[in-house]
Every structure is written in structure tokens, then in C-alpha cells.
Amino acid sequence: MNAGQIKCINCGGNLLIAANGKERNCPYCDSVFRIEEKTGDLHSRNTPYAQEALDEGRNASEIVRNICGSSGFDSLYGKAGYSLEDYSKYDKAKQKFAIGEGEEIYLIFDATILGSCKKGFAAGAKGLHYCADGRNAHMIPWNQFKSVEIRKKAGNLFLNREEFNTASDSGKLYKILTEVQKNL
């Protein structure tokens, strides 16, 4: 099996062979895995979740996809599903939240009134992509998402210190994101 066929169990990205030939590195979330010579199993060197996920046969992108896809979230400002390529805000979200080519998207929330996606967030296979200030896009890889503080207050959703005006959708989005966090 070549390294391009081995997926990161934290974010779903393709792993690359390390210089020492005994480890695989994820270029997306910086996870490092040791390959057990006898079995070929991956063992995480830097995230406690990785071994648990491996043992249970699941990975972060599958967890996020299933939670978003089964949430039924669909509003004027956002949508969740198993794949959102046909969603009207898909192209704007990919551009404004700096989502890489080929990454599947399972949730998009546009926190602007006019639908520009200058502010908001998207849950993809590799992590939570967001722009809170209308200028700078960021991404939190799924292996780091467990430490994000998620709060809702007066129609706003907070991810750590970043604030998003989510109005009547705050409860639904809070439920989806905390469910993802609980299951990672």
C-alpha cells in the first residue's frame, strides 16, 4: 500500500512517508504516526484520540460527515448534509473560508446578511474552516477541535474568542458542533 492510500485518522488527509521511512506524517493536521512493522497498524505519536479512533475503525471526517448529514440543519443562512457541492453557498464558502480543492464540506454557515460568506464557518473533512473578521480565513483541524470552547449567547455562537451572529440558528449549530466535539 503506498502512502497516498493511507488516510490520517484525525482529519482524513493522505499521509506522507517521513524521511526515516518508519513514520507517516499528515501535512494537513501535523499528526505523526508510527507504522507497526508486523501488522502495518498506525499508532499516533501526538494525539490521544488517534488510537481510540483507530481501535473503533472510524476517523474524524466520517464522524463529522455523519453528524452533519443526519442533523437536518437547513436555514436561510446555512445547511448541513453528507455533501454540499450542490448548495448555492458552496463556491463562496470555499473561497472565503480558504477551503482546499477536493475537501468535502458537510456544513456551511454564512454569518452575513447579504449572503457573501465573508463571515461564517464550514465543517469539512479536514477541519472547521472559518472567517470571523471578514478578511482572514482560518482552520481548526479536527484533532485540535476538542479543545475549542463553544458557547452560545443572545443569538451569537462563540468558538473560543471568535464570535458569529447566528441569530435563530445558534441552538441548532451549537448542538451540531458540540455533538462533533463529543464524538471526536
Protein backbone atom coordinates (compact mmCIF):
# COMPACT_ATOMS: atom_id res chain seq x y z
CA MET A 1 0.00 0.00 0.00
CA ASN A 2 1.50 3.38 -0.90
CA ALA A 3 1.41 6.35 1.47
CA GLY A 4 -1.19 8.17 -0.63
CA GLN A 5 -3.67 5.44 0.17
CA ILE A 6 -3.20 5.69 3.94
CA LYS A 7 -5.59 8.22 5.47
CA CYS A 8 -4.99 10.27 8.61
CA ILE A 9 -7.34 9.03 11.32
CA ASN A 10 -7.62 12.57 12.73
CA CYS A 11 -8.52 14.62 9.67
CA GLY A 12 -8.83 12.21 6.73
CA GLY A 13 -5.91 13.66 4.75
CA ASN A 14 -3.46 11.49 2.81
CA LEU A 15 -0.38 10.64 4.88
CA LEU A 16 3.15 11.17 3.59
CA ILE A 17 6.14 8.92 4.30
CA ALA A 18 8.58 10.53 6.76
CA ALA A 19 12.30 10.73 5.96
CA ASN A 20 13.02 7.84 8.34
CA GLY A 21 10.59 5.59 6.41
CA LYS A 22 9.02 4.30 9.65
CA GLU A 23 6.53 7.10 10.22
CA ARG A 24 3.74 8.75 8.29
CA ASN A 25 3.07 12.46 8.58
CA CYS A 26 -0.15 14.31 7.90
CA PRO A 27 0.55 17.57 6.04
CA TYR A 28 -2.91 18.90 6.98
CA CYS A 29 -3.12 18.50 10.77
CA ASP A 30 0.55 17.74 11.58
CA SER A 31 -0.24 14.35 13.15
CA VAL A 32 2.63 11.87 13.18
CA PHE A 33 2.04 8.11 13.11
CA ARG A 34 4.40 5.20 13.66
CA ILE A 35 3.77 2.16 11.49
CA GLU A 36 3.97 -1.14 13.38
CA GLU A 37 6.17 -3.36 11.21
CA LYS A 38 4.44 -6.68 11.97
CA THR A 39 0.84 -5.57 11.45
CA GLY A 40 1.10 -2.33 9.49
CA ASP A 41 -1.12 -0.60 12.09
CA LEU A 42 -0.86 3.14 12.66
CA HIS A 43 -0.05 4.37 16.16
CA SER A 44 -0.32 8.06 16.87
CA ARG A 45 2.68 9.82 18.34
CA ASN A 46 0.89 13.05 19.21
CA THR A 47 -2.87 12.73 19.74
CA PRO A 48 -4.65 10.53 22.29
CA TYR A 49 -7.80 10.42 20.13
CA ALA A 50 -5.99 8.80 17.22
CA GLN A 51 -5.52 5.36 18.76
CA GLU A 52 -9.08 5.30 20.09
CA ALA A 53 -10.42 6.18 16.64
CA LEU A 54 -8.22 3.57 15.03
CA ASP A 55 -9.41 0.92 17.51
CA GLU A 56 -13.04 1.78 16.77
CA GLY A 57 -12.47 1.82 13.00
CA ARG A 58 -13.55 5.41 12.49
CA ASN A 59 -11.93 8.70 11.59
CA ALA A 60 -12.76 12.33 12.26
CA SER A 61 -14.09 13.13 8.79
CA GLU A 62 -16.55 10.20 8.96
CA ILE A 63 -17.76 11.36 12.38
CA VAL A 64 -18.31 14.94 11.18
CA ARG A 65 -19.94 13.81 7.94
CA ASN A 66 -22.41 11.55 9.76
CA ILE A 67 -23.33 14.13 12.40
CA CYS A 68 -23.81 16.93 9.88
CA GLY A 69 -25.56 14.69 7.37
CA SER A 70 -28.10 13.44 9.88
CA SER A 71 -28.68 16.81 11.59
CA GLY A 72 -31.37 18.05 9.19
CA PHE A 73 -29.99 21.59 9.51
CA ASP A 74 -31.26 23.80 6.68
CA SER A 75 -31.92 27.53 7.07
CA LEU A 76 -31.73 30.78 5.18
CA TYR A 77 -28.09 31.19 6.29
CA GLY A 78 -26.75 27.66 6.22
CA LYS A 79 -27.10 23.99 5.57
CA ALA A 80 -25.64 20.67 6.64
CA GLY A 81 -25.53 17.42 4.71
CA TYR A 82 -23.43 14.47 3.63
CA SER A 83 -22.09 16.59 0.76
CA LEU A 84 -22.84 20.22 -0.10
CA GLU A 85 -21.37 20.55 -3.60
CA ASP A 86 -24.78 21.49 -4.99
CA TYR A 87 -25.55 24.04 -2.26
CA SER A 88 -25.80 27.66 -3.51
CA LYS A 89 -23.25 28.98 -0.98
CA TYR A 90 -20.68 26.23 -1.67
CA ASP A 91 -18.36 28.17 -4.02
CA LYS A 92 -18.39 31.34 -1.89
CA ALA A 93 -17.68 29.33 1.27
CA LYS A 94 -14.75 27.51 -0.35
CA GLN A 95 -13.24 30.83 -1.42
CA LYS A 96 -13.92 32.94 1.69
CA PHE A 97 -13.04 30.23 4.24
CA ALA A 98 -9.94 29.11 2.25
CA ILE A 99 -11.07 25.51 1.82
CA GLY A 100 -8.66 23.45 -0.27
CA GLU A 101 -9.52 21.74 -3.53
CA GLY A 102 -11.06 18.33 -3.14
CA GLU A 103 -12.06 18.69 0.51
CA GLU A 104 -15.62 17.57 1.15
CA ILE A 105 -17.84 20.05 3.01
CA TYR A 106 -20.62 18.91 5.37
CA LEU A 107 -21.83 22.17 6.97
CA ILE A 108 -21.81 25.77 5.80
CA PHE A 109 -23.00 28.73 7.83
CA ASP A 110 -22.92 32.21 6.30
CA ALA A 111 -22.97 34.80 9.11
CA THR A 112 -23.64 37.71 6.74
CA ILE A 113 -26.98 39.25 5.90
CA LEU A 114 -26.39 39.55 2.16
CA GLY A 115 -25.02 36.04 1.58
CA SER A 116 -21.40 36.90 0.81
CA CYS A 117 -19.84 34.30 3.17
CA LYS A 118 -17.32 36.95 4.28
CA LYS A 119 -18.02 35.78 7.83
CA GLY A 120 -19.04 32.32 8.93
CA PHE A 121 -17.74 28.79 9.03
CA ALA A 122 -17.77 25.44 7.29
CA ALA A 123 -17.16 21.93 8.58
CA GLY A 124 -15.13 19.90 6.13
CA ALA A 125 -13.29 16.61 6.04
CA LYS A 126 -10.10 18.15 7.44
CA GLY A 127 -11.41 20.61 10.00
CA LEU A 128 -13.55 23.62 10.80
CA HIS A 129 -12.82 26.47 8.37
CA TYR A 130 -13.92 29.95 9.40
CA CYS A 131 -13.62 33.69 8.91
CA ALA A 132 -14.77 35.88 11.79
CA ASP A 133 -13.40 39.28 10.76
CA GLY A 134 -14.36 39.30 7.08
CA ARG A 135 -10.70 39.22 5.98
CA ASN A 136 -8.66 36.34 7.43
CA ALA A 137 -9.63 32.70 6.99
CA HIS A 138 -8.51 30.07 9.50
CA MET A 139 -8.86 26.33 10.03
CA ILE A 140 -9.02 24.24 13.18
CA PRO A 141 -8.04 20.63 12.36
CA TRP A 142 -10.37 18.04 13.86
CA ASN A 143 -7.62 16.68 16.11
CA GLN A 144 -7.50 20.11 17.81
CA PHE A 145 -11.24 20.83 17.78
CA LYS A 146 -11.84 19.00 21.07
CA SER A 147 -10.13 21.86 22.93
CA VAL A 148 -12.26 24.61 21.32
CA GLU A 149 -14.63 26.36 23.71
CA ILE A 150 -18.10 26.51 22.12
CA ARG A 151 -20.65 28.90 23.67
CA LYS A 152 -23.93 30.44 22.61
CA LYS A 153 -25.28 33.71 23.90
CA ALA A 154 -28.05 36.01 22.67
CA GLY A 155 -28.14 34.76 19.08
CA ASN A 156 -24.37 34.51 18.81
CA LEU A 157 -22.12 31.49 18.69
CA PHE A 158 -18.60 31.71 20.06
CA LEU A 159 -15.75 29.42 19.03
CA ASN A 160 -13.05 30.28 21.53
CA ARG A 161 -12.92 34.09 21.19
CA GLU A 162 -14.35 34.26 17.68
CA GLU A 163 -17.96 35.48 17.53
CA PHE A 164 -20.53 34.65 14.85
CA ASN A 165 -24.00 36.16 14.61
CA THR A 166 -26.10 33.04 14.22
CA ALA A 167 -29.48 34.50 15.32
CA SER A 168 -32.18 31.83 15.45
CA ASP A 169 -29.76 29.15 14.21
CA SER A 170 -27.49 29.36 17.25
CA GLY A 171 -29.14 26.47 19.11
CA LYS A 172 -29.03 24.12 16.11
CA LEU A 173 -25.42 24.99 15.26
CA TYR A 174 -24.38 24.68 18.90
CA LYS A 175 -25.94 21.21 19.02
CA ILE A 176 -24.14 20.07 15.85
CA LEU A 177 -20.72 21.39 16.87
CA THR A 178 -20.90 20.10 20.44
CA GLU A 179 -22.03 16.71 19.12
CA VAL A 180 -18.99 16.65 16.81
CA GLN A 181 -16.75 17.64 19.70
CA LYS A 182 -18.22 14.97 21.99
CA ASN A 183 -17.72 12.22 19.40
CA LEU A 184 -14.20 13.06 18.23
